[in-house]
């Protein structure tokens, strides 16, 4: 991942923030940090929308492939936290 600017979110906030992106993008208020992107109806377009918002929030480039590899907000957050060096 490549840095784009300084992060606006902490590591502790990231799983819930990603879950909120899932809820808003996929239109399902029941989604939480353990929800699966695919089971919730996610597709490539929604993955791009989520990663674009995530990149703005954390200040690093987030490859869309990460959403497919780590489909829950908590798993995706762990990878982004490690790669972005969030604390």
Protein backbone atom coordinates (compact mmCIF):
# COMPACT_ATOMS: atom_id res chain seq x y z
CA UNK A 1 0.00 0.00 0.00
CA UNK A 2 1.16 3.51 -0.79
CA UNK A 3 0.61 6.49 1.52
CA UNK A 4 -1.66 9.22 0.14
CA UNK A 5 -1.93 11.46 3.25
CA UNK A 6 -2.06 11.26 7.03
CA UNK A 7 -4.77 8.99 8.48
CA UNK A 8 -8.01 10.37 9.93
CA UNK A 9 -8.85 7.18 11.83
CA UNK A 10 -7.23 5.06 14.54
CA UNK A 11 -6.68 1.31 14.45
CA UNK A 12 -9.37 0.81 17.11
CA UNK A 13 -11.93 2.68 15.00
CA UNK A 14 -11.15 0.99 11.69
CA UNK A 15 -13.24 -2.24 11.88
CA UNK A 16 -16.41 -0.32 12.71
CA UNK A 17 -15.64 2.33 10.09
CA UNK A 18 -15.27 -0.37 7.42
CA UNK A 19 -18.51 -1.98 8.61
CA UNK A 20 -20.24 1.39 8.18
CA UNK A 21 -18.88 1.56 4.61
CA UNK A 22 -20.32 -1.93 3.99
CA UNK A 23 -23.71 -0.89 5.43
CA UNK A 24 -23.90 2.29 3.37
CA UNK A 25 -22.54 0.81 0.13
CA UNK A 26 -24.51 -2.44 0.27
CA UNK A 27 -27.66 -0.87 1.77
CA UNK A 28 -27.97 -3.24 4.73
CA UNK A 29 -28.07 -1.77 8.24
CA UNK A 30 -27.67 -5.23 9.80
CA UNK A 31 -24.04 -5.62 8.70
CA UNK A 32 -21.37 -5.56 11.42
CA UNK A 33 -17.63 -6.09 11.75
CA UNK A 34 -17.91 -9.84 11.18
CA UNK A 35 -20.20 -9.66 8.13
CA UNK A 36 -19.00 -11.27 4.90
CA UNK A 37 -18.78 -8.96 1.88
CA UNK A 38 -19.95 -11.67 -0.54
CA UNK A 39 -22.78 -12.99 1.63
CA UNK A 40 -24.01 -9.40 1.95
CA UNK A 41 -24.29 -9.10 -1.83
CA UNK A 42 -20.99 -7.36 -2.54
CA UNK A 43 -19.62 -7.18 -6.07
CA UNK A 44 -16.64 -5.59 -7.82
CA UNK A 45 -18.31 -2.17 -8.11
CA UNK A 46 -19.17 -2.04 -4.42
CA UNK A 47 -15.64 -3.23 -3.57
CA UNK A 48 -14.21 -0.28 -5.51
CA UNK A 49 -16.57 2.10 -3.70
CA UNK A 50 -15.55 0.72 -0.30
CA UNK A 51 -11.82 0.87 -1.02
CA UNK A 52 -12.10 4.44 -2.33
CA UNK A 53 -13.72 5.54 0.94
CA UNK A 54 -11.24 3.52 2.97
CA UNK A 55 -8.29 5.11 1.17
CA UNK A 56 -9.61 8.57 2.06
CA UNK A 57 -10.02 7.58 5.71
CA UNK A 58 -6.65 5.90 6.28
CA UNK A 59 -4.45 7.84 3.91
CA UNK A 60 -2.99 4.85 2.07
CA UNK A 61 -3.81 3.10 -1.16
CA UNK A 62 -5.96 0.04 -0.48
CA UNK A 63 -6.02 -2.45 -3.37
CA UNK A 64 -9.55 -3.61 -4.18
CA UNK A 65 -8.28 -7.21 -4.17
CA UNK A 66 -7.99 -6.97 -0.37
CA UNK A 67 -11.78 -6.84 -0.07
CA UNK A 68 -12.01 -10.12 -1.96
CA UNK A 69 -9.20 -11.74 0.05
CA UNK A 70 -10.37 -10.41 3.44
CA UNK A 71 -14.18 -10.13 3.09
CA UNK A 72 -15.11 -9.16 6.66
CA UNK A 73 -14.54 -5.65 8.00
CA UNK A 74 -12.52 -7.01 10.95
CA UNK A 75 -10.20 -9.06 8.72
CA UNK A 76 -9.79 -6.26 6.19
CA UNK A 77 -9.06 -3.83 9.02
CA UNK A 78 -6.30 -6.05 10.42
CA UNK A 79 -4.49 -6.06 7.07
CA UNK A 80 -4.92 -2.33 6.51
CA UNK A 81 -3.77 -1.56 10.07
CA UNK A 82 -0.62 -3.64 9.58
CA UNK A 83 0.17 -2.25 6.14
CA UNK A 84 -0.64 1.37 7.00
CA UNK A 85 1.07 1.33 10.38
CA UNK A 86 -2.01 2.65 12.19
CA UNK A 87 -2.07 2.77 15.96
